Amino acid sequence: RGIRRGFELREVGGGWRFYVRAEYDTLVADFV
């Protein structure tokens, strides 16, 4: 089995796309 990644594959607007997991949003935003 793998590990839980910091990103996820999410279905949005009828398609699939990578997104940062919600719990890391603030961290990533501050870093950027």
PDB file of all heavy atoms in Angstrom:
ATOM      1  N   ARG A   1       0.840  -1.185   0.000  1.00  0.00           N
ATOM      2  CA  ARG A   1       0.000   0.000   0.000  1.00  0.00           C
ATOM      3  C   ARG A   1       0.880   1.242   0.000  1.00  0.00           C
ATOM      4  O   ARG A   1       2.002   1.238   0.491  1.00  0.00           O
ATOM      5  CB  ARG A   1      -0.922   0.015   1.226  1.00  0.00           C
ATOM      6  CG  ARG A   1      -2.022  -1.057   1.174  1.00  0.00           C
ATOM      7  CD  ARG A   1      -3.032  -0.728   0.081  1.00  0.00           C
ATOM      8  NE  ARG A   1      -4.110  -1.712   0.028  1.00  0.00           N
ATOM      9  CZ  ARG A   1      -4.120  -2.746  -0.785  1.00  0.00           C
ATOM     10  NH1 ARG A   1      -3.105  -2.959  -1.593  1.00  0.00           N
ATOM     11  NH2 ARG A   1      -5.143  -3.580  -0.798  1.00  0.00           N
ATOM     12  N   GLY A   2       0.335   2.333  -0.518  1.00  0.00           N
ATOM     13  CA  GLY A   2       1.088   3.566  -0.579  1.00  0.00           C
ATOM     14  C   GLY A   2       0.866   4.419   0.651  1.00  0.00           C
ATOM     15  O   GLY A   2       0.337   3.970   1.664  1.00  0.00           O
ATOM     16  N   ILE A   3       1.277   5.668   0.536  1.00  0.00           N
ATOM     17  CA  ILE A   3       1.076   6.624   1.623  1.00  0.00           C
ATOM     18  C   ILE A   3       0.108   7.689   1.150  1.00  0.00           C
ATOM     19  O   ILE A   3      -0.050   7.916  -0.057  1.00  0.00           O
ATOM     20  CB  ILE A   3       2.406   7.276   2.047  1.00  0.00           C
ATOM     21  CG1 ILE A   3       3.038   8.009   0.857  1.00  0.00           C
ATOM     22  CG2 ILE A   3       3.355   6.239   2.612  1.00  0.00           C
ATOM     23  CD1 ILE A   3       4.269   8.795   1.225  1.00  0.00           C
ATOM     24  N   ARG A   4      -0.521   8.343   2.096  1.00  0.00           N
ATOM     25  CA  ARG A   4      -1.460   9.404   1.743  1.00  0.00           C
ATOM     26  C   ARG A   4      -0.664  10.624   1.302  1.00  0.00           C
ATOM     27  O   ARG A   4       0.124  11.174   2.064  1.00  0.00           O
ATOM     28  CB  ARG A   4      -2.346   9.744   2.942  1.00  0.00           C
ATOM     29  CG  ARG A   4      -3.515  10.680   2.618  1.00  0.00           C
ATOM     30  CD  ARG A   4      -4.461  10.732   3.820  1.00  0.00           C
ATOM     31  NE  ARG A   4      -5.650  11.476   3.537  1.00  0.00           N
ATOM     32  CZ  ARG A   4      -5.804  12.774   3.741  1.00  0.00           C
ATOM     33  NH1 ARG A   4      -4.779  13.467   4.243  1.00  0.00           N
ATOM     34  NH2 ARG A   4      -6.922  13.394   3.454  1.00  0.00           N
ATOM     35  N   ARG A   5      -0.878  11.038   0.067  1.00  0.00           N
ATOM     36  CA  ARG A   5      -0.105  12.140  -0.494  1.00  0.00           C
ATOM     37  C   ARG A   5      -0.651  13.497  -0.050  1.00  0.00           C
ATOM     38  O   ARG A   5      -1.780  13.615   0.421  1.00  0.00           O
ATOM     39  CB  ARG A   5      -0.128  12.071  -2.026  1.00  0.00           C
ATOM     40  CG  ARG A   5       0.202  10.702  -2.596  1.00  0.00           C
ATOM     41  CD  ARG A   5       1.620  10.295  -2.302  1.00  0.00           C
ATOM     42  NE  ARG A   5       1.926   8.979  -2.838  1.00  0.00           N
ATOM     43  CZ  ARG A   5       2.287   8.738  -4.086  1.00  0.00           C
ATOM     44  NH1 ARG A   5       2.428   9.741  -4.935  1.00  0.00           N
ATOM     45  NH2 ARG A   5       2.531   7.513  -4.497  1.00  0.00           N
ATOM     46  N   GLY A   6       0.167  14.533  -0.244  1.00  0.00           N
ATOM     47  CA  GLY A   6      -0.258  15.893   0.085  1.00  0.00           C
ATOM     48  C   GLY A   6      -1.139  16.500  -0.989  1.00  0.00           C
ATOM     49  O   GLY A   6      -1.600  17.632  -0.853  1.00  0.00           O
ATOM     50  N   PHE A   7      -1.388  15.755  -2.053  1.00  0.00           N
ATOM     51  CA  PHE A   7      -2.274  16.203  -3.121  1.00  0.00           C
ATOM     52  C   PHE A   7      -3.298  15.114  -3.376  1.00  0.00           C
ATOM     53  O   PHE A   7      -3.157  13.969  -2.932  1.00  0.00           O
ATOM     54  CB  PHE A   7      -1.483  16.497  -4.398  1.00  0.00           C
ATOM     55  CG  PHE A   7      -0.709  15.314  -4.917  1.00  0.00           C
ATOM     56  CD1 PHE A   7      -1.285  14.414  -5.791  1.00  0.00           C
ATOM     57  CD2 PHE A   7       0.601  15.097  -4.509  1.00  0.00           C
ATOM     58  CE1 PHE A   7      -0.581  13.314  -6.257  1.00  0.00           C
ATOM     59  CE2 PHE A   7       1.323  14.007  -4.969  1.00  0.00           C
ATOM     60  CZ  PHE A   7       0.725  13.112  -5.850  1.00  0.00           C
ATOM     61  N   GLU A   8      -4.343  15.462  -4.100  1.00  0.00           N
ATOM     62  CA  GLU A   8      -5.391  14.504  -4.424  1.00  0.00           C
ATOM     63  C   GLU A   8      -5.875  14.731  -5.851  1.00  0.00           C
ATOM     64  O   GLU A   8      -5.656  15.795  -6.437  1.00  0.00           O
ATOM     65  CB  GLU A   8      -6.563  14.651  -3.454  1.00  0.00           C
ATOM     66  CG  GLU A   8      -7.247  16.014  -3.518  1.00  0.00           C
ATOM     67  CD  GLU A   8      -8.387  16.132  -2.524  1.00  0.00           C
ATOM     68  OE1 GLU A   8      -8.975  15.088  -2.176  1.00  0.00           O
ATOM     69  OE2 GLU A   8      -8.694  17.272  -2.096  1.00  0.00           O
ATOM     70  N   LEU A   9      -6.508  13.721  -6.395  1.00  0.00           N
ATOM     71  CA  LEU A   9      -7.103  13.807  -7.721  1.00  0.00           C
ATOM     72  C   LEU A   9      -8.582  14.054  -7.521  1.00  0.00           C
ATOM     73  O   LEU A   9      -9.302  13.218  -6.964  1.00  0.00           O
ATOM     74  CB  LEU A   9      -6.866  12.508  -8.500  1.00  0.00           C
ATOM     75  CG  LEU A   9      -7.239  12.496  -9.985  1.00  0.00           C
ATOM     76  CD1 LEU A   9      -6.551  13.631 -10.730  1.00  0.00           C
ATOM     77  CD2 LEU A   9      -6.872  11.156 -10.611  1.00  0.00           C
ATOM     78  N   ARG A  10      -9.027  15.241  -7.927  1.00  0.00           N
ATOM     79  CA  ARG A  10     -10.393  15.657  -7.624  1.00  0.00           C
ATOM     80  C   ARG A  10     -11.178  15.903  -8.906  1.00  0.00           C
ATOM     81  O   ARG A  10     -10.640  16.430  -9.890  1.00  0.00           O
ATOM     82  CB  ARG A  10     -10.354  16.934  -6.791  1.00  0.00           C
ATOM     83  CG  ARG A  10     -11.683  17.358  -6.177  1.00  0.00           C
ATOM     84  CD  ARG A  10     -11.545  18.713  -5.488  1.00  0.00           C
ATOM     85  NE  ARG A  10     -10.452  18.760  -4.526  1.00  0.00           N
ATOM     86  CZ  ARG A  10     -10.005  19.887  -3.993  1.00  0.00           C
ATOM     87  NH1 ARG A  10     -10.549  21.054  -4.341  1.00  0.00           N
ATOM     88  NH2 ARG A  10      -9.017  19.855  -3.124  1.00  0.00           N
ATOM     89  N   GLU A  11     -12.456  15.521  -8.904  1.00  0.00           N
ATOM     90  CA  GLU A  11     -13.328  15.768 -10.051  1.00  0.00           C
ATOM     91  C   GLU A  11     -13.990  17.122  -9.876  1.00  0.00           C
ATOM     92  O   GLU A  11     -14.719  17.354  -8.910  1.00  0.00           O
ATOM     93  CB  GLU A  11     -14.389  14.673 -10.181  1.00  0.00           C
ATOM     94  CG  GLU A  11     -15.220  14.793 -11.454  1.00  0.00           C
ATOM     95  CD  GLU A  11     -16.182  13.637 -11.644  1.00  0.00           C
ATOM     96  OE1 GLU A  11     -16.466  12.936 -10.649  1.00  0.00           O
ATOM     97  OE2 GLU A  11     -16.658  13.432 -12.769  1.00  0.00           O
ATOM     98  N   VAL A  12     -13.727  18.021 -10.812  1.00  0.00           N
ATOM     99  CA  VAL A  12     -14.258  19.380 -10.757  1.00  0.00           C
ATOM    100  C   VAL A  12     -14.731  19.787 -12.140  1.00  0.00           C
ATOM    101  O   VAL A  12     -14.001  19.627 -13.125  1.00  0.00           O
ATOM    102  CB  VAL A  12     -13.183  20.375 -10.271  1.00  0.00           C
ATOM    103  CG1 VAL A  12     -13.724  21.801 -10.290  1.00  0.00           C
ATOM    104  CG2 VAL A  12     -12.703  20.022  -8.876  1.00  0.00           C
ATOM    105  N   GLY A  13     -15.947  20.316 -12.227  1.00  0.00           N
ATOM    106  CA  GLY A  13     -16.447  20.803 -13.508  1.00  0.00           C
ATOM    107  C   GLY A  13     -16.480  19.742 -14.590  1.00  0.00           C
ATOM    108  O   GLY A  13     -16.240  20.035 -15.758  1.00  0.00           O
ATOM    109  N   GLY A  14     -16.780  18.503 -14.213  1.00  0.00           N
ATOM    110  CA  GLY A  14     -16.878  17.444 -15.199  1.00  0.00           C
ATOM    111  C   GLY A  14     -15.552  16.869 -15.646  1.00  0.00           C
ATOM    112  O   GLY A  14     -15.488  16.103 -16.614  1.00  0.00           O
ATOM    113  N   GLY A  15     -14.457  17.232 -14.952  1.00  0.00           N
ATOM    114  CA  GLY A  15     -13.149  16.711 -15.322  1.00  0.00           C
ATOM    115  C   GLY A  15     -12.302  16.438 -14.098  1.00  0.00           C
ATOM    116  O   GLY A  15     -12.708  16.732 -12.958  1.00  0.00           O
ATOM    117  N   TRP A  16     -11.115  15.882 -14.316  1.00  0.00           N
ATOM    118  CA  TRP A  16     -10.214  15.512 -13.225  1.00  0.00           C
ATOM    119  C   TRP A  16      -8.982  16.388 -13.237  1.00  0.00           C
ATOM    120  O   TRP A  16      -8.439  16.709 -14.287  1.00  0.00           O
ATOM    121  CB  TRP A  16      -9.815  14.046 -13.358  1.00  0.00           C
ATOM    122  CG  TRP A  16     -10.977  13.126 -13.170  1.00  0.00           C
ATOM    123  CD1 TRP A  16     -11.794  12.633 -14.144  1.00  0.00           C
ATOM    124  CD2 TRP A  16     -11.474  12.617 -11.930  1.00  0.00           C
ATOM    125  NE1 TRP A  16     -12.771  11.846 -13.598  1.00  0.00           N
ATOM    126  CE2 TRP A  16     -12.598  11.808 -12.231  1.00  0.00           C
ATOM    127  CE3 TRP A  16     -11.073  12.757 -10.604  1.00  0.00           C
ATOM    128  CZ2 TRP A  16     -13.324  11.150 -11.252  1.00  0.00           C
ATOM    129  CZ3 TRP A  16     -11.800  12.098  -9.617  1.00  0.00           C
ATOM    130  CH2 TRP A  16     -12.909  11.303  -9.945  1.00  0.00           C
ATOM    131  N   ARG A  17      -8.526  16.744 -12.006  1.00  0.00           N
ATOM    132  CA  ARG A  17      -7.376  17.622 -11.887  1.00  0.00           C
ATOM    133  C   ARG A  17      -6.728  17.431 -10.520  1.00  0.00           C
ATOM    134  O   ARG A  17      -7.402  17.090  -9.547  1.00  0.00           O
ATOM    135  CB  ARG A  17      -7.818  19.080 -12.047  1.00  0.00           C
ATOM    136  CG  ARG A  17      -6.678  20.090 -12.102  1.00  0.00           C
ATOM    137  CD  ARG A  17      -7.222  21.494 -12.133  1.00  0.00           C
ATOM    138  NE  ARG A  17      -6.176  22.491 -12.208  1.00  0.00           N
ATOM    139  CZ  ARG A  17      -6.359  23.777 -11.945  1.00  0.00           C
ATOM    140  NH1 ARG A  17      -7.547  24.211 -11.584  1.00  0.00           N
ATOM    141  NH2 ARG A  17      -5.363  24.635 -12.039  1.00  0.00           N
ATOM    142  N   PHE A  18      -5.401  17.658 -10.447  1.00  0.00           N
ATOM    143  CA  PHE A  18      -4.694  17.568  -9.178  1.00  0.00           C
ATOM    144  C   PHE A  18      -4.948  18.823  -8.339  1.00  0.00           C
ATOM    145  O   PHE A  18      -4.932  19.938  -8.861  1.00  0.00           O
ATOM    146  CB  PHE A  18      -3.185  17.432  -9.390  1.00  0.00           C
ATOM    147  CG  PHE A  18      -2.771  16.061  -9.850  1.00  0.00           C
ATOM    148  CD1 PHE A  18      -2.045  15.899 -11.019  1.00  0.00           C
ATOM    149  CD2 PHE A  18      -3.092  14.942  -9.115  1.00  0.00           C
ATOM    150  CE1 PHE A  18      -1.658  14.641 -11.449  1.00  0.00           C
ATOM    151  CE2 PHE A  18      -2.707  13.681  -9.523  1.00  0.00           C
ATOM    152  CZ  PHE A  18      -1.989  13.530 -10.690  1.00  0.00           C
ATOM    153  N   TYR A  19      -5.146  18.619  -7.028  1.00  0.00           N
ATOM    154  CA  TYR A  19      -5.309  19.725  -6.088  1.00  0.00           C
ATOM    155  C   TYR A  19      -4.533  19.411  -4.815  1.00  0.00           C
ATOM    156  O   TYR A  19      -4.385  18.249  -4.436  1.00  0.00           O
ATOM    157  CB  TYR A  19      -6.785  19.929  -5.715  1.00  0.00           C
ATOM    158  CG  TYR A  19      -7.608  20.615  -6.784  1.00  0.00           C
ATOM    159  CD1 TYR A  19      -8.219  19.879  -7.784  1.00  0.00           C
ATOM    160  CD2 TYR A  19      -7.771  21.991  -6.782  1.00  0.00           C
ATOM    161  CE1 TYR A  19      -8.984  20.498  -8.769  1.00  0.00           C
ATOM    162  CE2 TYR A  19      -8.532  22.623  -7.753  1.00  0.00           C
ATOM    163  CZ  TYR A  19      -9.130  21.870  -8.743  1.00  0.00           C
ATOM    164  OH  TYR A  19      -9.876  22.484  -9.710  1.00  0.00           O
ATOM    165  N   VAL A  20      -4.056  20.460  -4.157  1.00  0.00           N
ATOM    166  CA  VAL A  20      -3.453  20.294  -2.837  1.00  0.00           C
ATOM    167  C   VAL A  20      -4.562  19.898  -1.873  1.00  0.00           C
ATOM    168  O   VAL A  20      -5.676  20.420  -1.935  1.00  0.00           O
ATOM    169  CB  VAL A  20      -2.795  21.615  -2.377  1.00  0.00           C
ATOM    170  CG1 VAL A  20      -2.328  21.501  -0.935  1.00  0.00           C
ATOM    171  CG2 VAL A  20      -1.639  21.974  -3.293  1.00  0.00           C
ATOM    172  N   ARG A  21      -4.275  18.976  -0.970  1.00  0.00           N
ATOM    173  CA  ARG A  21      -5.286  18.597   0.026  1.00  0.00           C
ATOM    174  C   ARG A  21      -5.620  19.788   0.916  1.00  0.00           C
ATOM    175  O   ARG A  21      -4.770  20.626   1.203  1.00  0.00           O
ATOM    176  CB  ARG A  21      -4.787  17.427   0.872  1.00  0.00           C
ATOM    177  CG  ARG A  21      -4.706  16.124   0.095  1.00  0.00           C
ATOM    178  CD  ARG A  21      -4.538  14.933   1.011  1.00  0.00           C
ATOM    179  NE  ARG A  21      -4.335  13.728   0.224  1.00  0.00           N
ATOM    180  CZ  ARG A  21      -5.332  12.997  -0.301  1.00  0.00           C
ATOM    181  NH1 ARG A  21      -6.589  13.360  -0.062  1.00  0.00           N
ATOM    182  NH2 ARG A  21      -5.079  11.923  -1.010  1.00  0.00           N
ATOM    183  N   ALA A  22      -6.869  19.833   1.357  1.00  0.00           N
ATOM    184  CA  ALA A  22      -7.387  20.991   2.087  1.00  0.00           C
ATOM    185  C   ALA A  22      -6.544  21.342   3.307  1.00  0.00           C
ATOM    186  O   ALA A  22      -6.324  22.524   3.601  1.00  0.00           O
ATOM    187  CB  ALA A  22      -8.835  20.730   2.504  1.00  0.00           C
ATOM    188  N   GLU A  23      -6.038  20.321   4.009  1.00  0.00           N
ATOM    189  CA  GLU A  23      -5.289  20.603   5.236  1.00  0.00           C
ATOM    190  C   GLU A  23      -3.946  21.278   4.970  1.00  0.00           C
ATOM    191  O   GLU A  23      -3.307  21.783   5.893  1.00  0.00           O
ATOM    192  CB  GLU A  23      -5.075  19.324   6.053  1.00  0.00           C
ATOM    193  CG  GLU A  23      -4.363  18.219   5.323  1.00  0.00           C
ATOM    194  CD  GLU A  23      -5.318  17.208   4.711  1.00  0.00           C
ATOM    195  OE1 GLU A  23      -6.361  17.643   4.176  1.00  0.00           O
ATOM    196  OE2 GLU A  23      -5.017  16.001   4.765  1.00  0.00           O
ATOM    197  N   TYR A  24      -3.491  21.267   3.716  1.00  0.00           N
ATOM    198  CA  TYR A  24      -2.209  21.891   3.390  1.00  0.00           C
ATOM    199  C   TYR A  24      -2.368  23.216   2.633  1.00  0.00           C
ATOM    200  O   TYR A  24      -1.370  23.821   2.254  1.00  0.00           O
ATOM    201  CB  TYR A  24      -1.358  20.936   2.557  1.00  0.00           C
ATOM    202  CG  TYR A  24      -1.018  19.660   3.286  1.00  0.00           C
ATOM    203  CD1 TYR A  24      -1.628  18.464   2.950  1.00  0.00           C
ATOM    204  CD2 TYR A  24      -0.097  19.655   4.333  1.00  0.00           C
ATOM    205  CE1 TYR A  24      -1.339  17.292   3.621  1.00  0.00           C
ATOM    206  CE2 TYR A  24       0.209  18.479   5.011  1.00  0.00           C
ATOM    207  CZ  TYR A  24      -0.420  17.298   4.647  1.00  0.00           C
ATOM    208  OH  TYR A  24      -0.133  16.144   5.317  1.00  0.00           O
ATOM    209  N   ASP A  25      -3.608  23.642   2.430  1.00  0.00           N
ATOM    210  CA  ASP A  25      -3.862  24.873   1.669  1.00  0.00           C
ATOM    211  C   ASP A  25      -3.146  26.077   2.277  1.00  0.00           C
ATOM    212  O   ASP A  25      -2.475  26.836   1.580  1.00  0.00           O
ATOM    213  CB  ASP A  25      -5.369  25.154   1.598  1.00  0.00           C
ATOM    214  CG  ASP A  25      -6.034  24.403   0.455  1.00  0.00           C
ATOM    215  OD1 ASP A  25      -5.305  23.908  -0.428  1.00  0.00           O
ATOM    216  OD2 ASP A  25      -7.272  24.319   0.431  1.00  0.00           O
ATOM    217  N   THR A  26      -3.308  26.279   3.580  1.00  0.00           N
ATOM    218  CA  THR A  26      -2.716  27.447   4.231  1.00  0.00           C
ATOM    219  C   THR A  26      -1.198  27.414   4.149  1.00  0.00           C
ATOM    220  O   THR A  26      -0.552  28.429   3.855  1.00  0.00           O
ATOM    221  CB  THR A  26      -3.163  27.514   5.702  1.00  0.00           C
ATOM    222  OG1 THR A  26      -4.592  27.590   5.761  1.00  0.00           O
ATOM    223  CG2 THR A  26      -2.561  28.729   6.383  1.00  0.00           C
ATOM    224  N   LEU A  27      -0.629  26.257   4.391  1.00  0.00           N
ATOM    225  CA  LEU A  27       0.824  26.100   4.336  1.00  0.00           C
ATOM    226  C   LEU A  27       1.367  26.438   2.950  1.00  0.00           C
ATOM    227  O   LEU A  27       2.333  27.200   2.803  1.00  0.00           O
ATOM    228  CB  LEU A  27       1.200  24.666   4.705  1.00  0.00           C
ATOM    229  CG  LEU A  27       2.685  24.301   4.567  1.00  0.00           C
ATOM    230  CD1 LEU A  27       3.513  25.053   5.598  1.00  0.00           C
ATOM    231  CD2 LEU A  27       2.875  22.801   4.718  1.00  0.00           C
ATOM    232  N   VAL A  28       0.721  25.883   1.923  1.00  0.00           N
ATOM    233  CA  VAL A  28       1.181  26.107   0.555  1.00  0.00           C
ATOM    234  C   VAL A  28       0.989  27.564   0.158  1.00  0.00           C
ATOM    235  O   VAL A  28       1.856  28.170  -0.483  1.00  0.00           O
ATOM    236  CB  VAL A  28       0.435  25.168  -0.420  1.00  0.00           C
ATOM    237  CG1 VAL A  28       0.757  25.532  -1.868  1.00  0.00           C
ATOM    238  CG2 VAL A  28       0.807  23.722  -0.148  1.00  0.00           C
ATOM    239  N   ALA A  29      -0.147  28.156   0.539  1.00  0.00           N
ATOM    240  CA  ALA A  29      -0.410  29.554   0.208  1.00  0.00           C
ATOM    241  C   ALA A  29       0.641  30.467   0.829  1.00  0.00           C
ATOM    242  O   ALA A  29       1.153  31.389   0.180  1.00  0.00           O
ATOM    243  CB  ALA A  29      -1.807  29.950   0.679  1.00  0.00           C
ATOM    244  N   ASP A  30       0.975  30.224   2.101  1.00  0.00           N
ATOM    245  CA  ASP A  30       1.991  31.036   2.771  1.00  0.00           C
ATOM    246  C   ASP A  30       3.352  30.883   2.087  1.00  0.00           C
ATOM    247  O   ASP A  30       4.097  31.852   1.927  1.00  0.00           O
ATOM    248  CB  ASP A  30       2.099  30.638   4.243  1.00  0.00           C
ATOM    249  CG  ASP A  30       0.883  31.043   5.047  1.00  0.00           C
ATOM    250  OD1 ASP A  30       0.104  31.879   4.551  1.00  0.00           O
ATOM    251  OD2 ASP A  30       0.706  30.516   6.164  1.00  0.00           O
ATOM    252  N   PHE A  31       3.677  29.653   1.705  1.00  0.00           N
ATOM    253  CA  PHE A  31       4.959  29.405   1.045  1.00  0.00           C
ATOM    254  C   PHE A  31       5.037  30.153  -0.280  1.00  0.00           C
ATOM    255  O   PHE A  31       6.040  30.802  -0.589  1.00  0.00           O
ATOM    256  CB  PHE A  31       5.145  27.914   0.805  1.00  0.00           C
ATOM    257  CG  PHE A  31       6.341  27.583  -0.050  1.00  0.00           C
ATOM    258  CD1 PHE A  31       7.625  27.600   0.479  1.00  0.00           C
ATOM    259  CD2 PHE A  31       6.185  27.289  -1.397  1.00  0.00           C
ATOM    260  CE1 PHE A  31       8.726  27.314  -0.312  1.00  0.00           C
ATOM    261  CE2 PHE A  31       7.278  27.003  -2.193  1.00  0.00           C
ATOM    262  CZ  PHE A  31       8.554  27.016  -1.651  1.00  0.00           C
ATOM    263  N   VAL A  32       3.972  30.067  -1.068  1.00  0.00           N
ATOM    264  CA  VAL A  32       3.959  30.719  -2.375  1.00  0.00           C
ATOM    265  C   VAL A  32       4.102  32.222  -2.227  1.00  0.00           C
ATOM    266  O   VAL A  32       4.842  32.875  -2.972  1.00  0.00           O
ATOM    267  CB  VAL A  32       2.662  30.369  -3.141  1.00  0.00           C
ATOM    268  CG1 VAL A  32       2.543  31.221  -4.405  1.00  0.00           C
ATOM    269  CG2 VAL A  32       2.648  28.887  -3.509  1.00  0.00           C
TER     270      VAL A  32
END
